[in-house]
N, C-alpha and C. Protein backbone atom coordinates (compact mmCIF):
# COMPACT_ATOMS: atom_id res chain seq x y z
N MET A 1 -18.20 33.04 35.62
CA MET A 1 -18.37 33.35 34.22
C MET A 1 -17.06 33.11 33.46
N ARG A 2 -15.95 33.53 34.04
CA ARG A 2 -14.64 33.33 33.39
C ARG A 2 -14.37 31.85 33.17
N LYS A 3 -14.79 31.05 34.15
CA LYS A 3 -14.57 29.61 34.05
C LYS A 3 -15.29 29.05 32.83
N TYR A 4 -16.52 29.49 32.59
CA TYR A 4 -17.29 29.00 31.44
C TYR A 4 -16.69 29.48 30.12
N ILE A 5 -16.22 30.70 30.10
CA ILE A 5 -15.58 31.24 28.89
C ILE A 5 -14.28 30.47 28.62
N SER A 6 -13.53 30.18 29.64
CA SER A 6 -12.28 29.42 29.47
C SER A 6 -12.57 28.01 28.95
N ILE A 7 -13.58 27.38 29.51
CA ILE A 7 -13.95 26.02 29.06
C ILE A 7 -14.42 26.07 27.61
N LEU A 8 -15.21 27.05 27.24
CA LEU A 8 -15.69 27.20 25.88
C LEU A 8 -14.54 27.44 24.91
N CYS A 9 -13.61 28.31 25.27
CA CYS A 9 -12.44 28.58 24.42
C CYS A 9 -11.59 27.32 24.25
N PHE A 10 -11.40 26.60 25.32
CA PHE A 10 -10.63 25.36 25.27
C PHE A 10 -11.32 24.34 24.34
N PHE A 11 -12.63 24.20 24.47
CA PHE A 11 -13.39 23.29 23.63
C PHE A 11 -13.29 23.68 22.15
N LEU A 12 -13.43 24.98 21.86
CA LEU A 12 -13.34 25.45 20.47
C LEU A 12 -11.94 25.23 19.90
N LEU A 13 -10.92 25.42 20.71
CA LEU A 13 -9.55 25.20 20.27
C LEU A 13 -9.31 23.74 19.93
N ILE A 14 -9.75 22.83 20.78
CA ILE A 14 -9.57 21.39 20.53
C ILE A 14 -10.37 20.97 19.30
N THR A 15 -11.60 21.42 19.18
CA THR A 15 -12.44 21.07 18.03
C THR A 15 -11.82 21.58 16.74
N SER A 16 -11.31 22.80 16.75
CA SER A 16 -10.68 23.39 15.56
C SER A 16 -9.43 22.62 15.18
N CYS A 17 -8.62 22.25 16.18
CA CYS A 17 -7.40 21.50 15.90
C CYS A 17 -7.72 20.14 15.29
N ASP A 18 -8.76 19.48 15.79
CA ASP A 18 -9.15 18.18 15.24
C ASP A 18 -9.58 18.33 13.78
N LYS A 19 -10.34 19.39 13.49
CA LYS A 19 -10.76 19.61 12.10
C LYS A 19 -9.57 19.96 11.22
N LEU A 20 -8.66 20.75 11.71
CA LEU A 20 -7.45 21.07 10.95
C LEU A 20 -6.60 19.83 10.73
N ASP A 21 -6.51 18.99 11.75
CA ASP A 21 -5.72 17.77 11.66
C ASP A 21 -6.23 16.86 10.54
N GLU A 22 -7.55 16.82 10.35
CA GLU A 22 -8.14 16.00 9.29
C GLU A 22 -7.69 16.46 7.90
N LEU A 23 -7.32 17.73 7.76
CA LEU A 23 -6.88 18.26 6.47
C LEU A 23 -5.54 17.68 6.04
N THR A 24 -4.76 17.17 6.97
CA THR A 24 -3.46 16.61 6.61
C THR A 24 -3.46 15.09 6.71
N LYS A 25 -4.63 14.50 6.56
CA LYS A 25 -4.76 13.05 6.45
C LYS A 25 -5.33 12.77 5.08
N PHE A 26 -4.62 11.96 4.32
CA PHE A 26 -5.04 11.70 2.95
C PHE A 26 -4.47 10.36 2.48
N ASN A 27 -4.97 9.89 1.36
CA ASN A 27 -4.52 8.63 0.78
C ASN A 27 -3.65 8.88 -0.45
N LEU A 28 -2.68 8.01 -0.64
CA LEU A 28 -1.88 7.98 -1.86
C LEU A 28 -2.12 6.64 -2.52
N GLU A 29 -2.41 6.67 -3.81
CA GLU A 29 -2.67 5.43 -4.53
C GLU A 29 -1.60 5.23 -5.60
N TYR A 30 -1.17 3.99 -5.73
CA TYR A 30 -0.17 3.61 -6.73
C TYR A 30 -0.64 2.35 -7.43
N ALA A 31 -0.29 2.23 -8.70
CA ALA A 31 -0.64 1.04 -9.47
C ALA A 31 0.55 0.63 -10.33
N THR A 32 0.77 -0.66 -10.41
CA THR A 32 1.81 -1.22 -11.27
C THR A 32 1.34 -2.59 -11.72
N GLN A 33 2.13 -3.24 -12.55
CA GLN A 33 1.77 -4.57 -13.04
C GLN A 33 2.97 -5.50 -12.95
N VAL A 34 2.68 -6.79 -12.79
CA VAL A 34 3.69 -7.83 -12.82
C VAL A 34 3.18 -8.96 -13.70
N THR A 35 4.10 -9.76 -14.17
CA THR A 35 3.71 -10.94 -14.93
C THR A 35 4.18 -12.17 -14.18
N ILE A 36 3.24 -13.05 -13.89
CA ILE A 36 3.58 -14.33 -13.29
C ILE A 36 3.73 -15.30 -14.45
N PRO A 37 4.95 -15.80 -14.65
CA PRO A 37 5.19 -16.63 -15.84
C PRO A 37 4.51 -18.00 -15.73
N SER A 38 4.22 -18.56 -16.89
CA SER A 38 3.66 -19.92 -16.91
C SER A 38 4.65 -20.85 -16.24
N THR A 39 4.13 -21.89 -15.60
CA THR A 39 5.00 -22.79 -14.83
C THR A 39 4.76 -24.23 -15.22
N THR A 40 5.74 -25.04 -14.88
CA THR A 40 5.57 -26.48 -15.09
C THR A 40 5.45 -27.19 -13.75
N GLY A 41 5.92 -26.55 -12.68
CA GLY A 41 5.85 -27.17 -11.35
C GLY A 41 4.81 -26.51 -10.49
N VAL A 42 4.42 -27.20 -9.44
CA VAL A 42 3.47 -26.64 -8.48
C VAL A 42 4.08 -26.73 -7.09
N ASN A 43 3.53 -25.93 -6.18
CA ASN A 43 3.99 -25.87 -4.79
C ASN A 43 5.45 -25.45 -4.66
N LEU A 44 5.95 -24.72 -5.64
CA LEU A 44 7.30 -24.20 -5.59
C LEU A 44 7.23 -22.68 -5.46
N PRO A 45 7.83 -22.13 -4.42
CA PRO A 45 7.80 -20.66 -4.29
C PRO A 45 8.71 -20.01 -5.34
N PHE A 46 8.26 -18.87 -5.85
CA PHE A 46 9.11 -18.07 -6.74
C PHE A 46 8.75 -16.61 -6.57
N ASP A 47 9.73 -15.76 -6.89
CA ASP A 47 9.57 -14.32 -6.71
C ASP A 47 9.29 -13.63 -8.04
N VAL A 48 8.47 -12.61 -7.97
CA VAL A 48 8.19 -11.73 -9.09
C VAL A 48 8.39 -10.31 -8.60
N LEU A 49 9.19 -9.53 -9.32
CA LEU A 49 9.47 -8.15 -8.92
C LEU A 49 8.68 -7.16 -9.77
N THR A 50 8.15 -6.14 -9.12
CA THR A 50 7.51 -5.06 -9.87
C THR A 50 8.60 -4.13 -10.38
N PRO A 51 8.31 -3.40 -11.43
CA PRO A 51 9.25 -2.33 -11.80
C PRO A 51 9.24 -1.27 -10.69
N ASP A 52 10.26 -0.44 -10.66
CA ASP A 52 10.28 0.64 -9.66
C ASP A 52 9.01 1.48 -9.82
N THR A 53 8.40 1.79 -8.69
CA THR A 53 7.22 2.65 -8.67
C THR A 53 7.68 4.02 -8.20
N GLU A 54 7.52 5.01 -9.06
CA GLU A 54 7.88 6.39 -8.71
C GLU A 54 6.86 6.92 -7.70
N THR A 55 7.34 7.42 -6.56
CA THR A 55 6.41 7.90 -5.53
C THR A 55 5.91 9.30 -5.81
N ASP A 56 6.74 10.14 -6.43
CA ASP A 56 6.37 11.54 -6.66
C ASP A 56 5.88 12.17 -5.36
N SER A 57 6.51 11.75 -4.25
CA SER A 57 6.02 12.13 -2.92
C SER A 57 6.08 13.64 -2.66
N GLU A 58 7.13 14.28 -3.11
CA GLU A 58 7.25 15.74 -2.84
C GLU A 58 6.02 16.48 -3.38
N SER A 59 5.66 16.25 -4.64
CA SER A 59 4.53 16.99 -5.21
C SER A 59 3.20 16.48 -4.66
N ARG A 60 3.10 15.19 -4.34
CA ARG A 60 1.86 14.67 -3.76
C ARG A 60 1.64 15.23 -2.36
N PHE A 61 2.70 15.35 -1.58
CA PHE A 61 2.56 15.95 -0.26
C PHE A 61 2.18 17.42 -0.40
N GLU A 62 2.85 18.11 -1.31
CA GLU A 62 2.56 19.53 -1.52
C GLU A 62 1.12 19.75 -1.95
N SER A 63 0.60 18.90 -2.82
CA SER A 63 -0.79 19.07 -3.27
C SER A 63 -1.79 18.80 -2.14
N ASN A 64 -1.31 18.16 -1.06
CA ASN A 64 -2.15 17.94 0.12
C ASN A 64 -1.73 18.84 1.28
N ASP A 65 -1.09 19.95 0.92
CA ASP A 65 -0.73 21.01 1.87
C ASP A 65 0.17 20.53 3.01
N THR A 66 1.16 19.71 2.67
CA THR A 66 2.14 19.29 3.68
C THR A 66 3.49 19.09 3.01
N ARG A 67 4.48 18.71 3.79
CA ARG A 67 5.82 18.41 3.31
C ARG A 67 6.28 17.11 3.95
N LYS A 68 7.26 16.46 3.33
CA LYS A 68 7.66 15.14 3.83
C LYS A 68 8.20 15.20 5.25
N GLU A 69 8.80 16.30 5.66
CA GLU A 69 9.32 16.38 7.04
C GLU A 69 8.19 16.51 8.07
N LEU A 70 6.97 16.79 7.62
CA LEU A 70 5.83 16.88 8.52
C LEU A 70 5.04 15.59 8.61
N VAL A 71 5.39 14.60 7.81
CA VAL A 71 4.67 13.34 7.82
C VAL A 71 4.98 12.59 9.11
N GLU A 72 3.94 12.18 9.81
CA GLU A 72 4.09 11.42 11.05
C GLU A 72 4.04 9.93 10.82
N GLU A 73 3.23 9.50 9.84
CA GLU A 73 3.04 8.07 9.63
C GLU A 73 2.43 7.83 8.25
N ILE A 74 2.87 6.75 7.62
CA ILE A 74 2.25 6.29 6.38
C ILE A 74 2.05 4.78 6.52
N LYS A 75 0.80 4.36 6.34
CA LYS A 75 0.48 2.93 6.47
C LYS A 75 -0.24 2.46 5.22
N LEU A 76 0.07 1.25 4.83
CA LEU A 76 -0.65 0.60 3.75
C LEU A 76 -2.03 0.23 4.28
N ILE A 77 -3.08 0.64 3.59
CA ILE A 77 -4.43 0.29 4.05
C ILE A 77 -5.13 -0.66 3.10
N GLU A 78 -4.62 -0.78 1.87
CA GLU A 78 -5.23 -1.71 0.94
C GLU A 78 -4.21 -2.11 -0.12
N LEU A 79 -4.18 -3.39 -0.42
CA LEU A 79 -3.37 -3.90 -1.53
C LEU A 79 -4.21 -4.94 -2.25
N GLU A 80 -4.55 -4.62 -3.49
CA GLU A 80 -5.38 -5.50 -4.29
C GLU A 80 -4.62 -5.96 -5.52
N LEU A 81 -4.83 -7.21 -5.86
CA LEU A 81 -4.30 -7.77 -7.09
C LEU A 81 -5.48 -8.03 -8.01
N ASP A 82 -5.34 -7.66 -9.29
CA ASP A 82 -6.40 -7.99 -10.23
C ASP A 82 -5.78 -8.53 -11.51
N ILE A 83 -6.41 -9.54 -12.04
CA ILE A 83 -5.88 -10.20 -13.23
C ILE A 83 -6.24 -9.38 -14.46
N LYS A 84 -5.20 -8.95 -15.18
CA LYS A 84 -5.37 -8.18 -16.41
C LYS A 84 -5.47 -9.11 -17.61
N SER A 85 -4.67 -10.18 -17.60
CA SER A 85 -4.73 -11.18 -18.66
C SER A 85 -4.18 -12.50 -18.13
N PRO A 86 -4.62 -13.63 -18.63
CA PRO A 86 -5.52 -13.80 -19.76
C PRO A 86 -6.97 -13.49 -19.36
N SER A 87 -7.75 -13.16 -20.35
CA SER A 87 -9.14 -12.83 -20.14
C SER A 87 -9.89 -13.99 -19.50
N GLY A 88 -10.71 -13.69 -18.50
CA GLY A 88 -11.52 -14.71 -17.84
C GLY A 88 -10.79 -15.53 -16.80
N ALA A 89 -9.51 -15.25 -16.55
CA ALA A 89 -8.74 -16.01 -15.57
C ALA A 89 -9.13 -15.62 -14.15
N ASP A 90 -8.84 -16.51 -13.20
CA ASP A 90 -9.05 -16.22 -11.78
C ASP A 90 -7.80 -16.65 -11.01
N PHE A 91 -7.84 -16.51 -9.71
CA PHE A 91 -6.67 -16.82 -8.88
C PHE A 91 -6.62 -18.28 -8.44
N SER A 92 -7.28 -19.17 -9.14
CA SER A 92 -7.29 -20.58 -8.75
C SER A 92 -5.89 -21.20 -8.79
N PHE A 93 -4.98 -20.63 -9.54
CA PHE A 93 -3.61 -21.14 -9.65
C PHE A 93 -2.76 -20.80 -8.42
N LEU A 94 -3.20 -19.86 -7.61
CA LEU A 94 -2.38 -19.32 -6.53
C LEU A 94 -2.71 -19.97 -5.19
N GLU A 95 -1.70 -20.52 -4.55
CA GLU A 95 -1.88 -21.10 -3.21
C GLU A 95 -1.67 -20.05 -2.13
N SER A 96 -0.59 -19.27 -2.26
CA SER A 96 -0.31 -18.22 -1.28
C SER A 96 0.55 -17.14 -1.92
N ILE A 97 0.56 -15.98 -1.26
CA ILE A 97 1.36 -14.86 -1.74
C ILE A 97 1.79 -14.00 -0.55
N GLU A 98 3.01 -13.51 -0.61
CA GLU A 98 3.53 -12.52 0.35
C GLU A 98 4.11 -11.38 -0.46
N VAL A 99 3.90 -10.15 0.01
CA VAL A 99 4.40 -8.98 -0.70
C VAL A 99 5.35 -8.22 0.22
N TYR A 100 6.51 -7.88 -0.34
CA TYR A 100 7.55 -7.16 0.39
C TYR A 100 7.84 -5.86 -0.34
N ILE A 101 8.18 -4.82 0.44
CA ILE A 101 8.55 -3.53 -0.13
C ILE A 101 10.03 -3.28 0.14
N SER A 102 10.69 -2.63 -0.82
CA SER A 102 12.08 -2.20 -0.61
C SER A 102 12.28 -0.86 -1.31
N ALA A 103 13.27 -0.14 -0.85
CA ALA A 103 13.63 1.14 -1.44
C ALA A 103 15.12 1.34 -1.21
N ASP A 104 15.71 2.22 -1.97
CA ASP A 104 17.14 2.47 -1.90
C ASP A 104 17.57 2.81 -0.47
N GLY A 105 18.50 2.01 0.06
CA GLY A 105 19.05 2.25 1.39
C GLY A 105 18.21 1.73 2.54
N LEU A 106 17.09 1.08 2.26
CA LEU A 106 16.21 0.57 3.31
C LEU A 106 16.08 -0.95 3.20
N ASP A 107 15.92 -1.59 4.34
CA ASP A 107 15.72 -3.04 4.36
C ASP A 107 14.36 -3.40 3.76
N GLU A 108 14.29 -4.56 3.17
CA GLU A 108 13.03 -5.08 2.65
C GLU A 108 12.18 -5.55 3.83
N ILE A 109 10.87 -5.21 3.79
CA ILE A 109 9.96 -5.67 4.85
C ILE A 109 8.67 -6.18 4.22
N LYS A 110 8.04 -7.10 4.92
CA LYS A 110 6.77 -7.68 4.48
C LYS A 110 5.64 -6.69 4.76
N ILE A 111 4.78 -6.46 3.75
CA ILE A 111 3.68 -5.51 3.93
C ILE A 111 2.29 -6.13 3.76
N ALA A 112 2.22 -7.31 3.11
CA ALA A 112 0.91 -7.93 2.90
C ALA A 112 1.08 -9.39 2.54
N SER A 113 -0.01 -10.15 2.71
CA SER A 113 0.04 -11.58 2.37
C SER A 113 -1.38 -12.13 2.24
N LYS A 114 -1.46 -13.34 1.73
CA LYS A 114 -2.72 -14.07 1.68
C LYS A 114 -2.35 -15.55 1.60
N THR A 115 -2.87 -16.33 2.55
CA THR A 115 -2.55 -17.76 2.56
C THR A 115 -3.71 -18.61 2.08
N ASP A 116 -4.91 -18.19 2.32
CA ASP A 116 -6.08 -18.93 1.84
C ASP A 116 -6.69 -18.15 0.68
N VAL A 117 -6.16 -18.39 -0.51
CA VAL A 117 -6.59 -17.64 -1.68
C VAL A 117 -7.90 -18.23 -2.23
N PRO A 118 -8.96 -17.42 -2.29
CA PRO A 118 -10.21 -17.91 -2.89
C PRO A 118 -9.97 -18.24 -4.37
N GLU A 119 -10.53 -19.31 -4.83
CA GLU A 119 -10.21 -19.79 -6.17
C GLU A 119 -10.95 -19.10 -7.30
N THR A 120 -12.11 -18.56 -7.07
CA THR A 120 -12.92 -18.08 -8.19
C THR A 120 -12.94 -16.56 -8.32
N VAL A 121 -12.00 -15.87 -7.72
CA VAL A 121 -11.99 -14.41 -7.80
C VAL A 121 -10.94 -13.93 -8.80
N SER A 122 -11.23 -12.81 -9.45
CA SER A 122 -10.23 -12.21 -10.34
C SER A 122 -9.63 -10.96 -9.72
N VAL A 123 -10.18 -10.53 -8.57
CA VAL A 123 -9.61 -9.43 -7.77
C VAL A 123 -9.40 -9.98 -6.37
N LEU A 124 -8.18 -9.82 -5.87
CA LEU A 124 -7.80 -10.40 -4.58
C LEU A 124 -7.31 -9.32 -3.64
N SER A 125 -7.96 -9.16 -2.49
CA SER A 125 -7.52 -8.22 -1.45
C SER A 125 -6.62 -8.98 -0.48
N LEU A 126 -5.44 -8.43 -0.23
CA LEU A 126 -4.49 -9.09 0.65
C LEU A 126 -4.64 -8.60 2.09
N ASP A 127 -4.15 -9.41 3.02
CA ASP A 127 -4.12 -9.04 4.44
C ASP A 127 -2.92 -8.14 4.66
N ILE A 128 -3.14 -7.01 5.31
CA ILE A 128 -2.13 -5.96 5.46
C ILE A 128 -1.39 -6.08 6.78
N GLU A 129 -0.06 -5.88 6.72
CA GLU A 129 0.77 -5.82 7.93
C GLU A 129 0.67 -4.41 8.52
N ASP A 130 0.72 -4.30 9.82
CA ASP A 130 0.63 -3.01 10.51
C ASP A 130 2.04 -2.44 10.71
N VAL A 131 2.57 -1.80 9.66
CA VAL A 131 3.92 -1.22 9.73
C VAL A 131 3.89 0.20 9.17
N ASP A 132 4.73 1.05 9.73
CA ASP A 132 4.86 2.42 9.26
C ASP A 132 5.80 2.43 8.06
N LEU A 133 5.33 2.93 6.93
CA LEU A 133 6.08 2.87 5.68
C LEU A 133 6.53 4.24 5.19
N GLN A 134 6.55 5.22 6.08
CA GLN A 134 6.86 6.57 5.62
C GLN A 134 8.23 6.70 4.97
N GLU A 135 9.23 6.00 5.48
CA GLU A 135 10.57 6.12 4.91
C GLU A 135 10.62 5.57 3.48
N TYR A 136 9.79 4.57 3.17
CA TYR A 136 9.75 3.99 1.83
C TYR A 136 9.04 4.92 0.85
N ILE A 137 7.93 5.51 1.28
CA ILE A 137 7.15 6.36 0.40
C ILE A 137 7.80 7.74 0.23
N LYS A 138 8.61 8.16 1.17
CA LYS A 138 9.33 9.42 1.04
C LYS A 138 10.47 9.32 0.02
N LYS A 139 10.90 8.12 -0.28
CA LYS A 139 11.95 7.92 -1.29
C LYS A 139 11.40 8.26 -2.68
N ASP A 140 12.29 8.41 -3.65
CA ASP A 140 11.87 8.70 -5.03
C ASP A 140 11.10 7.54 -5.65
N SER A 141 11.45 6.32 -5.24
CA SER A 141 10.76 5.15 -5.78
C SER A 141 10.89 3.98 -4.81
N TYR A 142 10.04 3.00 -5.01
CA TYR A 142 10.12 1.75 -4.25
C TYR A 142 9.78 0.63 -5.21
N ASN A 143 10.07 -0.59 -4.80
CA ASN A 143 9.57 -1.71 -5.59
C ASN A 143 9.03 -2.78 -4.67
N LEU A 144 8.21 -3.63 -5.26
CA LEU A 144 7.57 -4.70 -4.51
C LEU A 144 8.09 -6.04 -5.03
N ARG A 145 8.24 -6.97 -4.10
CA ARG A 145 8.58 -8.34 -4.46
C ARG A 145 7.41 -9.21 -4.03
N LEU A 146 6.87 -9.94 -4.97
CA LEU A 146 5.77 -10.85 -4.69
C LEU A 146 6.34 -12.26 -4.62
N ASN A 147 6.26 -12.87 -3.45
CA ASN A 147 6.69 -14.24 -3.27
C ASN A 147 5.43 -15.10 -3.39
N THR A 148 5.35 -15.88 -4.46
CA THR A 148 4.14 -16.62 -4.75
C THR A 148 4.39 -18.12 -4.73
N VAL A 149 3.36 -18.87 -4.39
CA VAL A 149 3.36 -20.32 -4.49
C VAL A 149 2.11 -20.70 -5.27
N THR A 150 2.30 -21.42 -6.36
CA THR A 150 1.15 -21.86 -7.15
C THR A 150 0.75 -23.27 -6.73
N ASP A 151 -0.53 -23.59 -6.92
CA ASP A 151 -0.98 -24.94 -6.59
C ASP A 151 -1.50 -25.69 -7.81
N GLU A 152 -1.25 -25.10 -8.98
CA GLU A 152 -1.56 -25.79 -10.22
C GLU A 152 -0.66 -25.24 -11.33
N ALA A 153 -0.42 -26.06 -12.32
CA ALA A 153 0.41 -25.63 -13.45
C ALA A 153 -0.34 -24.58 -14.27
N MET A 154 0.39 -23.59 -14.73
CA MET A 154 -0.20 -22.53 -15.57
C MET A 154 0.38 -22.68 -16.97
N SER A 155 -0.48 -22.70 -17.97
CA SER A 155 0.00 -22.86 -19.34
C SER A 155 0.29 -21.52 -20.01
N THR A 156 -0.18 -20.41 -19.42
CA THR A 156 0.07 -19.09 -19.98
C THR A 156 0.52 -18.13 -18.87
N ASP A 157 1.23 -17.10 -19.29
CA ASP A 157 1.61 -16.05 -18.36
C ASP A 157 0.35 -15.33 -17.88
N HIS A 158 0.39 -14.86 -16.63
CA HIS A 158 -0.72 -14.08 -16.07
C HIS A 158 -0.18 -12.68 -15.74
N THR A 159 -0.80 -11.65 -16.30
CA THR A 159 -0.45 -10.27 -15.97
C THR A 159 -1.38 -9.82 -14.86
N ILE A 160 -0.76 -9.35 -13.78
CA ILE A 160 -1.50 -8.98 -12.56
C ILE A 160 -1.30 -7.49 -12.27
N GLY A 161 -2.40 -6.78 -12.07
CA GLY A 161 -2.33 -5.40 -11.60
C GLY A 161 -2.14 -5.40 -10.10
N VAL A 162 -1.23 -4.56 -9.62
CA VAL A 162 -0.96 -4.43 -8.18
C VAL A 162 -1.34 -3.01 -7.80
N ASN A 163 -2.45 -2.88 -7.07
CA ASN A 163 -2.99 -1.57 -6.70
C ASN A 163 -2.88 -1.38 -5.19
N SER A 164 -2.18 -0.34 -4.79
CA SER A 164 -1.96 -0.11 -3.37
C SER A 164 -2.46 1.27 -2.96
N THR A 165 -2.99 1.34 -1.74
CA THR A 165 -3.45 2.60 -1.16
C THR A 165 -2.76 2.78 0.18
N PHE A 166 -2.10 3.92 0.34
CA PHE A 166 -1.39 4.26 1.56
C PHE A 166 -2.10 5.42 2.24
N PHE A 167 -2.26 5.34 3.56
CA PHE A 167 -2.86 6.41 4.35
C PHE A 167 -1.72 7.24 4.94
N VAL A 168 -1.78 8.56 4.72
CA VAL A 168 -0.75 9.48 5.19
C VAL A 168 -1.34 10.35 6.30
N ASP A 169 -0.61 10.44 7.40
CA ASP A 169 -0.98 11.34 8.50
C ASP A 169 0.19 12.27 8.72
N ALA A 170 -0.04 13.57 8.50
CA ALA A 170 1.02 14.57 8.65
C ALA A 170 0.64 15.57 9.74
N LYS A 171 1.64 16.23 10.27
CA LYS A 171 1.40 17.28 11.27
C LYS A 171 0.77 18.48 10.58
N ILE A 172 -0.11 19.16 11.31
CA ILE A 172 -0.73 20.37 10.80
C ILE A 172 0.13 21.57 11.18
N LEU A 173 0.50 22.35 10.22
CA LEU A 173 1.28 23.57 10.44
C LEU A 173 2.55 23.31 11.25
N GLY A 174 3.07 22.11 11.15
CA GLY A 174 4.30 21.77 11.87
C GLY A 174 4.14 21.57 13.34
N LEU A 175 2.89 21.50 13.84
CA LEU A 175 2.66 21.31 15.28
C LEU A 175 2.63 19.86 15.66
């Protein structure tokens, strides 16, 4: 009988811990914009920098019942680009794109890219790199560098929304 009670207690403890662990898994979403200037050349790589993105990580972690020292991992799970202007534009001008993240005191690393850009879309989902980004998101701010290659001349500037979603996994109760 004791053996069954012990097994039941162990099962309940593991199940409860798994449910508690889910409480400290959440997403952080950030949005910014960049302008890709009109060009006269094609197949030439050029960089576009986003303005600093404030992470507000301390309060975002707190609102999700955790603290930055309890964060185990932060991964980018989605990075989408959407054309804000000109109206009716698509990504036909873009041959490839790579996105890099940097923050004060940290090396720049590649977080996403797309080499085969569909031509008729106005929202583009990038391929995500499998890297832990917790040190970048724990900072007060970060910025993104978009390395782009166009495959056609653009007569007008294109304003692009950069929408990112990060998955946060933190320890429960410091365990």
